[in-house]
């Protein structure tokens, strides 16, 4: 709501709507879900290596393939 009013500029009037309530509740629910997941250690980190395949030769693929499994 505040950001919408600021974007409207000066000398403007903005009214609070039911959509503002819905948006605020959705954001609060997401924040609570993230806090709960963090407290319960429900996050996992997955690593995906990046490589310039055009610059690598076949020996590199063979010697480093085990790192991706």
N, C-alpha and C. Protein backbone atom coordinates (compact mmCIF):
# COMPACT_ATOMS: atom_id res chain seq x y z
N UNK A 1 0.82 -1.19 0.00
CA UNK A 1 0.00 0.00 0.00
C UNK A 1 0.87 1.25 0.00
N UNK A 2 1.86 1.29 0.88
CA UNK A 2 2.72 2.46 0.99
C UNK A 2 3.46 2.70 -0.32
N UNK A 3 3.98 1.64 -0.92
CA UNK A 3 4.74 1.79 -2.16
C UNK A 3 3.82 2.23 -3.30
N UNK A 4 2.60 1.72 -3.30
CA UNK A 4 1.65 2.13 -4.34
C UNK A 4 1.36 3.63 -4.21
N UNK A 5 1.21 4.09 -2.99
CA UNK A 5 0.95 5.52 -2.76
C UNK A 5 2.15 6.36 -3.17
N UNK A 6 3.35 5.89 -2.87
CA UNK A 6 4.55 6.64 -3.25
C UNK A 6 4.69 6.71 -4.77
N UNK A 7 4.39 5.60 -5.46
CA UNK A 7 4.49 5.58 -6.92
C UNK A 7 3.47 6.54 -7.56
N UNK A 8 2.35 6.73 -6.90
CA UNK A 8 1.31 7.61 -7.44
C UNK A 8 1.78 9.06 -7.44
N UNK A 9 2.74 9.39 -6.60
CA UNK A 9 3.28 10.74 -6.58
C UNK A 9 2.58 11.63 -5.58
N UNK A 10 3.01 12.86 -5.56
CA UNK A 10 2.45 13.81 -4.61
C UNK A 10 1.07 14.26 -5.07
N UNK A 11 0.35 14.82 -4.16
CA UNK A 11 -0.98 15.36 -4.44
C UNK A 11 -1.95 14.27 -4.92
N UNK A 12 -1.73 13.03 -4.47
CA UNK A 12 -2.59 11.91 -4.84
C UNK A 12 -3.21 11.31 -3.59
N UNK A 13 -4.36 10.73 -3.73
CA UNK A 13 -5.03 10.05 -2.62
C UNK A 13 -5.13 8.58 -2.98
N UNK A 14 -4.73 7.70 -2.05
CA UNK A 14 -4.85 6.26 -2.24
C UNK A 14 -5.67 5.69 -1.10
N UNK A 15 -6.56 4.79 -1.42
CA UNK A 15 -7.42 4.17 -0.42
C UNK A 15 -7.02 2.72 -0.22
N UNK A 16 -7.11 2.26 1.00
CA UNK A 16 -6.81 0.87 1.35
C UNK A 16 -7.94 -0.01 0.82
N UNK A 17 -7.55 -1.08 0.14
CA UNK A 17 -8.56 -1.98 -0.44
C UNK A 17 -8.42 -3.38 0.14
N UNK A 18 -9.37 -4.22 -0.17
CA UNK A 18 -9.32 -5.62 0.28
C UNK A 18 -8.13 -6.34 -0.36
N UNK A 19 -7.75 -5.96 -1.58
CA UNK A 19 -6.57 -6.55 -2.23
C UNK A 19 -5.31 -6.28 -1.40
N UNK A 20 -5.25 -5.12 -0.76
CA UNK A 20 -4.10 -4.82 0.10
C UNK A 20 -4.04 -5.78 1.27
N UNK A 21 -5.18 -6.09 1.84
CA UNK A 21 -5.24 -7.05 2.95
C UNK A 21 -4.82 -8.42 2.48
N UNK A 22 -5.32 -8.84 1.34
CA UNK A 22 -4.96 -10.15 0.79
C UNK A 22 -3.47 -10.25 0.53
N UNK A 23 -2.90 -9.22 -0.08
CA UNK A 23 -1.46 -9.22 -0.37
C UNK A 23 -0.64 -9.28 0.91
N UNK A 24 -1.04 -8.53 1.91
CA UNK A 24 -0.32 -8.51 3.18
C UNK A 24 -0.39 -9.88 3.86
N UNK A 25 -1.55 -10.52 3.83
CA UNK A 25 -1.70 -11.84 4.44
C UNK A 25 -0.88 -12.90 3.71
N UNK A 26 -0.84 -12.83 2.40
CA UNK A 26 -0.04 -13.79 1.61
C UNK A 26 1.44 -13.62 1.92
N UNK A 27 1.88 -12.38 2.02
CA UNK A 27 3.30 -12.12 2.33
C UNK A 27 3.63 -12.59 3.74
N UNK A 28 2.74 -12.36 4.69
CA UNK A 28 2.95 -12.81 6.06
C UNK A 28 3.00 -14.33 6.14
N UNK A 29 2.13 -15.00 5.40
CA UNK A 29 2.12 -16.46 5.39
C UNK A 29 3.42 -17.01 4.80
N UNK A 30 3.90 -16.41 3.73
CA UNK A 30 5.17 -16.83 3.13
C UNK A 30 6.32 -16.63 4.11
N UNK A 31 6.35 -15.48 4.76
CA UNK A 31 7.41 -15.20 5.73
C UNK A 31 7.38 -16.21 6.86
N UNK A 32 6.20 -16.51 7.38
CA UNK A 32 6.08 -17.50 8.46
C UNK A 32 6.51 -18.89 8.00
N UNK A 33 6.14 -19.27 6.78
CA UNK A 33 6.55 -20.57 6.24
C UNK A 33 8.06 -20.66 6.10
N UNK A 34 8.69 -19.59 5.64
CA UNK A 34 10.15 -19.58 5.51
C UNK A 34 10.84 -19.66 6.86
N UNK A 35 10.32 -18.94 7.84
CA UNK A 35 10.90 -18.99 9.19
C UNK A 35 10.78 -20.39 9.79
N UNK A 36 9.61 -21.02 9.60
CA UNK A 36 9.39 -22.37 10.11
C UNK A 36 10.34 -23.36 9.42
N UNK A 37 10.48 -23.25 8.10
CA UNK A 37 11.36 -24.15 7.36
C UNK A 37 12.81 -23.97 7.81
N UNK A 38 13.21 -22.75 8.07
CA UNK A 38 14.57 -22.49 8.54
C UNK A 38 14.78 -23.09 9.93
N UNK A 39 13.81 -22.93 10.81
CA UNK A 39 13.91 -23.47 12.16
C UNK A 39 13.97 -25.00 12.16
N UNK A 40 13.30 -25.62 11.20
CA UNK A 40 13.26 -27.09 11.13
C UNK A 40 14.33 -27.66 10.21
N UNK A 41 15.24 -26.80 9.73
CA UNK A 41 16.35 -27.22 8.85
C UNK A 41 15.82 -27.95 7.61
N UNK A 42 14.81 -27.38 6.98
CA UNK A 42 14.19 -28.01 5.81
C UNK A 42 14.77 -27.53 4.48
N UNK A 43 15.80 -26.72 4.54
CA UNK A 43 16.44 -26.25 3.31
C UNK A 43 17.59 -27.17 2.95
N UNK A 44 17.77 -27.37 1.66
CA UNK A 44 18.88 -28.18 1.15
C UNK A 44 19.64 -27.37 0.12
N UNK A 45 20.93 -27.55 0.09
CA UNK A 45 21.77 -26.87 -0.89
C UNK A 45 22.16 -27.86 -1.97
N UNK A 46 21.90 -27.50 -3.21
CA UNK A 46 22.28 -28.34 -4.34
C UNK A 46 23.30 -27.57 -5.18
N UNK A 47 24.37 -28.22 -5.52
CA UNK A 47 25.43 -27.60 -6.28
C UNK A 47 25.40 -28.10 -7.71
N UNK A 48 25.40 -27.19 -8.64
CA UNK A 48 25.47 -27.54 -10.04
C UNK A 48 26.67 -26.81 -10.64
N UNK A 49 27.71 -27.57 -10.97
CA UNK A 49 28.91 -26.92 -11.49
C UNK A 49 28.66 -26.29 -12.86
N UNK A 50 29.34 -25.21 -13.11
CA UNK A 50 29.27 -24.55 -14.41
C UNK A 50 30.61 -24.73 -15.09
N UNK A 51 30.56 -25.05 -16.38
CA UNK A 51 31.80 -25.27 -17.12
C UNK A 51 31.60 -24.81 -18.56
N UNK A 52 32.67 -24.31 -19.13
CA UNK A 52 32.68 -23.96 -20.54
C UNK A 52 33.05 -25.23 -21.30
N UNK A 53 32.04 -25.92 -21.78
CA UNK A 53 32.27 -27.23 -22.41
C UNK A 53 33.11 -27.13 -23.68
N UNK A 54 33.03 -26.01 -24.36
CA UNK A 54 33.81 -25.85 -25.59
C UNK A 54 35.30 -25.77 -25.29
N UNK A 55 35.67 -25.33 -24.09
CA UNK A 55 37.09 -25.15 -23.76
C UNK A 55 37.69 -26.39 -23.10
N UNK A 56 36.90 -27.41 -22.81
CA UNK A 56 37.40 -28.58 -22.11
C UNK A 56 37.62 -29.74 -23.07
N UNK A 57 38.59 -30.57 -22.74
CA UNK A 57 38.86 -31.73 -23.60
C UNK A 57 38.28 -33.00 -22.97
N UNK A 58 38.35 -34.10 -23.69
CA UNK A 58 37.74 -35.35 -23.25
C UNK A 58 38.38 -35.87 -21.97
N UNK A 59 39.68 -35.68 -21.78
CA UNK A 59 40.35 -36.15 -20.56
C UNK A 59 39.78 -35.45 -19.32
N UNK A 60 39.44 -34.19 -19.45
CA UNK A 60 38.87 -33.45 -18.32
C UNK A 60 37.53 -34.07 -17.93
N UNK A 61 36.71 -34.43 -18.92
CA UNK A 61 35.42 -35.04 -18.63
C UNK A 61 35.59 -36.34 -17.85
N UNK A 62 36.50 -37.18 -18.28
CA UNK A 62 36.72 -38.47 -17.65
C UNK A 62 37.25 -38.29 -16.23
N UNK A 63 38.19 -37.39 -16.02
CA UNK A 63 38.81 -37.23 -14.70
C UNK A 63 37.90 -36.51 -13.71
N UNK A 64 36.93 -35.78 -14.17
CA UNK A 64 36.06 -35.01 -13.27
C UNK A 64 34.61 -35.51 -13.24
N UNK A 65 34.28 -36.53 -13.96
CA UNK A 65 32.90 -37.02 -14.01
C UNK A 65 32.42 -37.48 -12.64
N UNK A 66 33.31 -38.07 -11.83
CA UNK A 66 32.90 -38.57 -10.52
C UNK A 66 32.40 -37.45 -9.59
N UNK A 67 32.82 -36.24 -9.82
CA UNK A 67 32.39 -35.10 -8.97
C UNK A 67 30.92 -34.78 -9.18
N UNK A 68 30.37 -35.15 -10.30
CA UNK A 68 28.99 -34.81 -10.61
C UNK A 68 28.01 -35.89 -10.22
N UNK A 69 28.52 -37.03 -9.81
CA UNK A 69 27.64 -38.16 -9.47
C UNK A 69 27.28 -38.17 -8.00
